[in-house]
Amino acid sequence: MENYFHLHLTEDEIRNISSIGLAHLGDAVYELLVRSWLCAHGRATGKGLHRAAVELVRAQAQAERSQRILSLLTEEELAVYKRGRNAHVNSIPHSASRTDYLRATALESLLGWLYLHGDEERINQLFCAMMEE
C-alpha cells in the first residue's frame, strides 16, 4: 500500500510534476503549517482561528512572507521558486495582484517540491523564517 503521507518518488517523477501541481500540493503543506502555528500560539478560538488562517494563506500574505526567505534559498530551491513564479496560471483571484499571486504560487511550488523530497526539516526552517515578526 502506498503511503501518501510520505511519498517516495524518483527525481524524474518529481521533475515531471508541473509547477501548478507542485503549487497545489504546496498550498496544502502551507495551510497545514499555518493551522499548526496558529494552534501552537494559542490562537485557536472559533471564528478567530478561521479568520487568522485565511489572513495568513491569502496570496498577498504568502507573497510578502516569501520575500523574507529568498536570500536563504539554495540555488536549486531558487530555481524551483522561479519555475513556480513563471508558471502559466489560468486565472488570478480578484483579491490578489498578478505579482502577489505569482509569488504565492512560487512559494507553494517550493513547499510542494520540498515535501516531495521528504525535506520536512527544510520546510520547517523556511516556515519559521517566514513567520518571524
N, C-alpha and C. Protein backbone atom coordinates (compact mmCIF):
# COMPACT_ATOMS: atom_id res chain seq x y z
N MET A 1 0.85 -1.18 0.00
CA MET A 1 0.00 0.00 0.00
C MET A 1 0.89 1.25 0.00
N GLU A 2 0.54 2.20 -0.84
CA GLU A 2 1.28 3.46 -0.92
C GLU A 2 1.03 4.31 0.32
N ASN A 3 2.08 4.93 0.85
CA ASN A 3 1.95 5.84 1.99
C ASN A 3 1.93 7.26 1.45
N TYR A 4 0.76 7.87 1.39
CA TYR A 4 0.64 9.20 0.81
C TYR A 4 1.05 10.32 1.75
N PHE A 5 1.35 9.97 3.00
CA PHE A 5 1.94 10.96 3.91
C PHE A 5 3.42 11.11 3.61
N HIS A 6 4.04 10.07 3.13
CA HIS A 6 5.47 10.08 2.83
C HIS A 6 5.70 9.36 1.50
N LEU A 7 5.47 10.08 0.43
CA LEU A 7 5.66 9.50 -0.91
C LEU A 7 7.15 9.32 -1.19
N HIS A 8 7.45 8.33 -1.95
CA HIS A 8 8.83 8.10 -2.38
C HIS A 8 8.85 8.12 -3.90
N LEU A 9 9.07 9.31 -4.44
CA LEU A 9 9.14 9.48 -5.88
C LEU A 9 10.59 9.68 -6.30
N THR A 10 10.89 9.26 -7.50
CA THR A 10 12.25 9.47 -8.03
C THR A 10 12.40 10.94 -8.43
N GLU A 11 13.63 11.36 -8.63
CA GLU A 11 13.89 12.73 -9.09
C GLU A 11 13.16 13.01 -10.40
N ASP A 12 13.17 12.04 -11.30
CA ASP A 12 12.49 12.22 -12.59
C ASP A 12 10.99 12.37 -12.39
N GLU A 13 10.40 11.60 -11.50
CA GLU A 13 8.97 11.69 -11.24
C GLU A 13 8.61 13.06 -10.66
N ILE A 14 9.44 13.55 -9.75
CA ILE A 14 9.20 14.88 -9.17
C ILE A 14 9.38 15.96 -10.23
N ARG A 15 10.42 15.83 -11.03
CA ARG A 15 10.70 16.82 -12.08
C ARG A 15 9.56 16.88 -13.10
N ASN A 16 8.87 15.76 -13.30
CA ASN A 16 7.78 15.71 -14.28
C ASN A 16 6.47 16.29 -13.77
N ILE A 17 6.40 16.64 -12.50
CA ILE A 17 5.20 17.28 -11.97
C ILE A 17 5.24 18.76 -12.34
N SER A 18 4.16 19.25 -12.86
CA SER A 18 4.12 20.66 -13.28
C SER A 18 4.25 21.59 -12.08
N SER A 19 4.62 22.81 -12.35
CA SER A 19 4.71 23.82 -11.29
C SER A 19 3.36 24.01 -10.62
N ILE A 20 2.29 23.93 -11.39
CA ILE A 20 0.95 24.07 -10.83
C ILE A 20 0.64 22.87 -9.93
N GLY A 21 1.09 21.69 -10.32
CA GLY A 21 0.92 20.51 -9.48
C GLY A 21 1.68 20.64 -8.17
N LEU A 22 2.92 21.13 -8.25
CA LEU A 22 3.71 21.36 -7.04
C LEU A 22 3.04 22.40 -6.15
N ALA A 23 2.52 23.45 -6.77
CA ALA A 23 1.86 24.51 -6.01
C ALA A 23 0.58 23.98 -5.34
N HIS A 24 -0.13 23.13 -6.03
CA HIS A 24 -1.34 22.53 -5.47
C HIS A 24 -1.01 21.77 -4.19
N LEU A 25 0.04 20.99 -4.24
CA LEU A 25 0.48 20.24 -3.06
C LEU A 25 1.05 21.19 -2.01
N GLY A 26 1.86 22.15 -2.44
CA GLY A 26 2.47 23.10 -1.51
C GLY A 26 1.46 23.97 -0.80
N ASP A 27 0.34 24.25 -1.46
CA ASP A 27 -0.73 25.02 -0.82
C ASP A 27 -1.24 24.28 0.41
N ALA A 28 -1.41 22.98 0.29
CA ALA A 28 -1.87 22.17 1.43
C ALA A 28 -0.82 22.11 2.53
N VAL A 29 0.43 22.00 2.14
CA VAL A 29 1.53 21.98 3.12
C VAL A 29 1.53 23.30 3.90
N TYR A 30 1.45 24.42 3.18
CA TYR A 30 1.46 25.74 3.82
C TYR A 30 0.25 25.90 4.74
N GLU A 31 -0.90 25.49 4.27
CA GLU A 31 -2.12 25.60 5.09
C GLU A 31 -1.98 24.80 6.38
N LEU A 32 -1.45 23.60 6.30
CA LEU A 32 -1.26 22.78 7.50
C LEU A 32 -0.27 23.44 8.46
N LEU A 33 0.81 24.00 7.93
CA LEU A 33 1.78 24.68 8.77
C LEU A 33 1.16 25.89 9.46
N VAL A 34 0.40 26.68 8.72
CA VAL A 34 -0.26 27.86 9.29
C VAL A 34 -1.23 27.45 10.38
N ARG A 35 -2.03 26.44 10.12
CA ARG A 35 -3.01 25.99 11.13
C ARG A 35 -2.29 25.49 12.38
N SER A 36 -1.20 24.74 12.17
CA SER A 36 -0.42 24.24 13.31
C SER A 36 0.17 25.41 14.10
N TRP A 37 0.72 26.39 13.38
CA TRP A 37 1.33 27.57 14.01
C TRP A 37 0.29 28.33 14.84
N LEU A 38 -0.88 28.52 14.27
CA LEU A 38 -1.93 29.24 14.99
C LEU A 38 -2.34 28.51 16.26
N CYS A 39 -2.50 27.20 16.18
CA CYS A 39 -2.87 26.42 17.36
C CYS A 39 -1.76 26.45 18.41
N ALA A 40 -0.53 26.32 17.97
CA ALA A 40 0.61 26.31 18.89
C ALA A 40 0.80 27.66 19.58
N HIS A 41 0.32 28.72 18.95
CA HIS A 41 0.47 30.06 19.52
C HIS A 41 -0.81 30.54 20.21
N GLY A 42 -1.67 29.60 20.56
CA GLY A 42 -2.85 29.93 21.35
C GLY A 42 -3.90 30.75 20.64
N ARG A 43 -3.93 30.67 19.34
CA ARG A 43 -4.91 31.47 18.60
C ARG A 43 -6.06 30.61 18.10
N ALA A 44 -6.29 29.49 18.78
CA ALA A 44 -7.31 28.53 18.34
C ALA A 44 -8.65 28.81 19.00
N THR A 45 -9.35 29.81 18.50
CA THR A 45 -10.66 30.12 19.05
C THR A 45 -11.65 30.36 17.92
N GLY A 46 -12.54 29.43 17.70
CA GLY A 46 -13.65 29.56 16.76
C GLY A 46 -13.40 30.33 15.50
N LYS A 47 -14.23 31.35 15.28
CA LYS A 47 -14.15 32.16 14.07
C LYS A 47 -12.82 32.89 13.95
N GLY A 48 -12.26 33.27 15.08
CA GLY A 48 -10.98 33.97 15.06
C GLY A 48 -9.89 33.12 14.44
N LEU A 49 -9.93 31.84 14.71
CA LEU A 49 -8.95 30.92 14.15
C LEU A 49 -9.08 30.86 12.63
N HIS A 50 -10.30 30.74 12.16
CA HIS A 50 -10.52 30.68 10.72
C HIS A 50 -10.07 31.98 10.04
N ARG A 51 -10.44 33.10 10.63
CA ARG A 51 -10.05 34.40 10.05
C ARG A 51 -8.54 34.57 10.02
N ALA A 52 -7.88 34.15 11.11
CA ALA A 52 -6.42 34.26 11.16
C ALA A 52 -5.77 33.38 10.09
N ALA A 53 -6.32 32.19 9.91
CA ALA A 53 -5.77 31.28 8.89
C ALA A 53 -5.96 31.87 7.50
N VAL A 54 -7.14 32.37 7.22
CA VAL A 54 -7.41 32.97 5.91
C VAL A 54 -6.48 34.14 5.66
N GLU A 55 -6.27 34.95 6.68
CA GLU A 55 -5.38 36.11 6.55
C GLU A 55 -3.95 35.69 6.17
N LEU A 56 -3.48 34.60 6.75
CA LEU A 56 -2.10 34.15 6.51
C LEU A 56 -1.93 33.37 5.22
N VAL A 57 -3.00 32.76 4.71
CA VAL A 57 -2.84 31.94 3.50
C VAL A 57 -3.23 32.67 2.22
N ARG A 58 -3.75 33.88 2.34
CA ARG A 58 -4.11 34.62 1.12
C ARG A 58 -2.84 34.97 0.34
N ALA A 59 -3.00 35.19 -0.93
CA ALA A 59 -1.86 35.40 -1.82
C ALA A 59 -0.94 36.54 -1.38
N GLN A 60 -1.52 37.67 -0.98
CA GLN A 60 -0.69 38.81 -0.58
C GLN A 60 0.20 38.46 0.61
N ALA A 61 -0.35 37.77 1.60
CA ALA A 61 0.44 37.40 2.78
C ALA A 61 1.53 36.40 2.41
N GLN A 62 1.19 35.44 1.56
CA GLN A 62 2.21 34.48 1.12
C GLN A 62 3.31 35.17 0.33
N ALA A 63 2.92 36.09 -0.53
CA ALA A 63 3.91 36.81 -1.34
C ALA A 63 4.87 37.60 -0.45
N GLU A 64 4.31 38.29 0.54
CA GLU A 64 5.16 39.06 1.46
C GLU A 64 6.11 38.14 2.22
N ARG A 65 5.59 37.05 2.72
CA ARG A 65 6.41 36.13 3.51
C ARG A 65 7.45 35.42 2.64
N SER A 66 7.13 35.19 1.38
CA SER A 66 8.09 34.53 0.50
C SER A 66 9.33 35.40 0.30
N GLN A 67 9.14 36.71 0.33
CA GLN A 67 10.28 37.62 0.14
C GLN A 67 11.25 37.55 1.31
N ARG A 68 10.76 37.13 2.47
CA ARG A 68 11.61 37.01 3.67
C ARG A 68 12.62 35.87 3.55
N ILE A 69 12.35 34.91 2.69
CA ILE A 69 13.22 33.72 2.64
C ILE A 69 14.07 33.63 1.37
N LEU A 70 13.87 34.53 0.43
CA LEU A 70 14.60 34.41 -0.84
C LEU A 70 16.10 34.32 -0.63
N SER A 71 16.64 35.11 0.27
CA SER A 71 18.09 35.11 0.49
C SER A 71 18.56 33.82 1.17
N LEU A 72 17.65 33.04 1.72
CA LEU A 72 18.00 31.79 2.41
C LEU A 72 17.99 30.58 1.48
N LEU A 73 17.44 30.76 0.29
CA LEU A 73 17.26 29.62 -0.61
C LEU A 73 18.56 29.20 -1.27
N THR A 74 18.70 27.88 -1.44
CA THR A 74 19.83 27.35 -2.19
C THR A 74 19.58 27.64 -3.67
N GLU A 75 20.57 27.42 -4.47
CA GLU A 75 20.44 27.64 -5.91
C GLU A 75 19.32 26.77 -6.48
N GLU A 76 19.28 25.52 -6.07
CA GLU A 76 18.26 24.59 -6.56
C GLU A 76 16.86 25.02 -6.10
N GLU A 77 16.74 25.43 -4.84
CA GLU A 77 15.45 25.89 -4.32
C GLU A 77 14.99 27.15 -5.05
N LEU A 78 15.91 28.04 -5.31
CA LEU A 78 15.58 29.27 -6.02
C LEU A 78 15.09 28.96 -7.44
N ALA A 79 15.70 27.97 -8.08
CA ALA A 79 15.27 27.57 -9.42
C ALA A 79 13.84 27.03 -9.38
N VAL A 80 13.50 26.27 -8.36
CA VAL A 80 12.13 25.75 -8.21
C VAL A 80 11.17 26.91 -7.96
N TYR A 81 11.57 27.84 -7.10
CA TYR A 81 10.76 29.03 -6.80
C TYR A 81 10.48 29.80 -8.10
N LYS A 82 11.51 30.05 -8.88
CA LYS A 82 11.36 30.81 -10.12
C LYS A 82 10.49 30.07 -11.13
N ARG A 83 10.66 28.75 -11.17
CA ARG A 83 9.83 27.93 -12.06
C ARG A 83 8.36 28.08 -11.67
N GLY A 84 8.08 28.09 -10.38
CA GLY A 84 6.71 28.27 -9.91
C GLY A 84 6.19 29.67 -10.20
N ARG A 85 7.05 30.65 -10.03
CA ARG A 85 6.66 32.04 -10.29
C ARG A 85 6.32 32.24 -11.76
N ASN A 86 6.99 31.51 -12.64
CA ASN A 86 6.79 31.67 -14.07
C ASN A 86 5.73 30.72 -14.63
N ALA A 87 5.05 30.00 -13.76
CA ALA A 87 4.03 29.05 -14.20
C ALA A 87 2.90 29.79 -14.91
N HIS A 88 2.32 29.12 -15.87
CA HIS A 88 1.18 29.69 -16.58
C HIS A 88 -0.08 29.43 -15.77
N VAL A 89 -0.63 30.49 -15.20
CA VAL A 89 -1.86 30.36 -14.42
C VAL A 89 -3.03 30.86 -15.25
N ASN A 90 -4.14 30.14 -15.16
CA ASN A 90 -5.30 30.48 -15.98
C ASN A 90 -6.10 31.65 -15.42
N SER A 91 -6.17 31.75 -14.12
CA SER A 91 -6.96 32.84 -13.55
C SER A 91 -6.33 33.30 -12.24
N ILE A 92 -6.48 34.56 -11.97
CA ILE A 92 -5.95 35.17 -10.76
C ILE A 92 -7.13 35.74 -9.99
N PRO A 93 -7.24 35.41 -8.70
CA PRO A 93 -8.37 35.94 -7.92
C PRO A 93 -8.39 37.47 -7.92
N HIS A 94 -9.59 38.03 -7.85
CA HIS A 94 -9.73 39.49 -7.84
C HIS A 94 -9.08 40.12 -6.61
N SER A 95 -8.94 39.33 -5.55
CA SER A 95 -8.38 39.86 -4.30
C SER A 95 -6.85 39.93 -4.32
N ALA A 96 -6.23 39.46 -5.40
CA ALA A 96 -4.76 39.43 -5.46
C ALA A 96 -4.24 40.12 -6.71
N SER A 97 -3.10 40.76 -6.56
CA SER A 97 -2.44 41.30 -7.75
C SER A 97 -1.74 40.15 -8.48
N ARG A 98 -1.45 40.35 -9.74
CA ARG A 98 -0.78 39.31 -10.52
C ARG A 98 0.58 38.97 -9.88
N THR A 99 1.33 39.99 -9.48
CA THR A 99 2.64 39.78 -8.87
C THR A 99 2.53 38.97 -7.59
N ASP A 100 1.60 39.35 -6.71
CA ASP A 100 1.43 38.62 -5.46
C ASP A 100 1.01 37.17 -5.71
N TYR A 101 0.10 36.98 -6.66
CA TYR A 101 -0.38 35.63 -6.94
C TYR A 101 0.76 34.75 -7.47
N LEU A 102 1.59 35.30 -8.33
CA LEU A 102 2.70 34.51 -8.88
C LEU A 102 3.75 34.22 -7.81
N ARG A 103 4.00 35.16 -6.91
CA ARG A 103 4.93 34.91 -5.80
C ARG A 103 4.38 33.85 -4.85
N ALA A 104 3.08 33.90 -4.60
CA ALA A 104 2.45 32.89 -3.75
C ALA A 104 2.54 31.52 -4.42
N THR A 105 2.29 31.47 -5.71
CA THR A 105 2.41 30.22 -6.46
C THR A 105 3.83 29.70 -6.41
N ALA A 106 4.79 30.59 -6.49
CA ALA A 106 6.20 30.21 -6.41
C ALA A 106 6.52 29.58 -5.05
N LEU A 107 6.05 30.23 -3.99
CA LEU A 107 6.27 29.69 -2.65
C LEU A 107 5.63 28.33 -2.49
N GLU A 108 4.40 28.20 -2.94
CA GLU A 108 3.71 26.93 -2.84
C GLU A 108 4.42 25.84 -3.65
N SER A 109 4.92 26.20 -4.82
CA SER A 109 5.68 25.23 -5.64
C SER A 109 6.90 24.74 -4.89
N LEU A 110 7.61 25.68 -4.26
CA LEU A 110 8.80 25.31 -3.49
C LEU A 110 8.44 24.38 -2.34
N LEU A 111 7.38 24.71 -1.61
CA LEU A 111 6.97 23.86 -0.49
C LEU A 111 6.53 22.48 -0.96
N GLY A 112 5.83 22.42 -2.08
CA GLY A 112 5.43 21.13 -2.65
C GLY A 112 6.64 20.30 -3.05
N TRP A 113 7.60 20.95 -3.66
CA TRP A 113 8.83 20.27 -4.10
C TRP A 113 9.61 19.74 -2.89
N LEU A 114 9.76 20.57 -1.87
CA LEU A 114 10.46 20.13 -0.66
C LEU A 114 9.72 18.98 0.02
N TYR A 115 8.39 19.06 0.04
CA TYR A 115 7.59 18.00 0.64
C TYR A 115 7.82 16.68 -0.10
N LEU A 116 7.80 16.73 -1.42
CA LEU A 116 8.01 15.51 -2.20
C LEU A 116 9.41 14.93 -2.01
N HIS A 117 10.35 15.78 -1.67
CA HIS A 117 11.70 15.31 -1.37
C HIS A 117 11.82 14.81 0.08
N GLY A 118 10.75 14.94 0.84
CA GLY A 118 10.76 14.48 2.22
C GLY A 118 11.57 15.36 3.14
N ASP A 119 11.79 16.61 2.74
CA ASP A 119 12.65 17.50 3.50
C ASP A 119 11.85 18.37 4.47
N GLU A 120 11.24 17.71 5.45
CA GLU A 120 10.41 18.41 6.43
C GLU A 120 11.23 19.40 7.26
N GLU A 121 12.46 19.06 7.52
CA GLU A 121 13.32 19.96 8.31
C GLU A 121 13.53 21.28 7.58
N ARG A 122 13.78 21.22 6.28
CA ARG A 122 13.99 22.44 5.50
C ARG A 122 12.70 23.25 5.39
N ILE A 123 11.59 22.55 5.20
CA ILE A 123 10.30 23.24 5.15
C ILE A 123 10.09 24.00 6.46
N ASN A 124 10.37 23.34 7.56
CA ASN A 124 10.18 23.97 8.86
C ASN A 124 11.11 25.17 9.05
N GLN A 125 12.36 25.05 8.62
CA GLN A 125 13.31 26.17 8.72
C GLN A 125 12.77 27.38 7.96
N LEU A 126 12.35 27.15 6.74
CA LEU A 126 11.85 28.26 5.90
C LEU A 126 10.55 28.82 6.47
N PHE A 127 9.66 27.95 6.94
CA PHE A 127 8.40 28.43 7.52
C PHE A 127 8.67 29.28 8.75
N CYS A 128 9.56 28.84 9.61
CA CYS A 128 9.89 29.62 10.82
C CYS A 128 10.46 30.98 10.44
N ALA A 129 11.30 31.02 9.42
CA ALA A 129 11.85 32.29 8.95
C ALA A 129 10.74 33.20 8.41
N MET A 130 9.77 32.61 7.74
CA MET A 130 8.66 33.40 7.20
C MET A 130 7.79 33.97 8.31
N MET A 131 7.66 33.25 9.40
CA MET A 131 6.73 33.64 10.46
C MET A 131 7.38 34.56 11.51
N GLU A 132 8.68 34.78 11.41
CA GLU A 132 9.34 35.70 12.36
C GLU A 132 8.76 37.09 12.19
N GLU A 133 8.50 37.72 13.30
CA GLU A 133 7.94 39.09 13.26
C GLU A 133 9.02 40.09 13.57
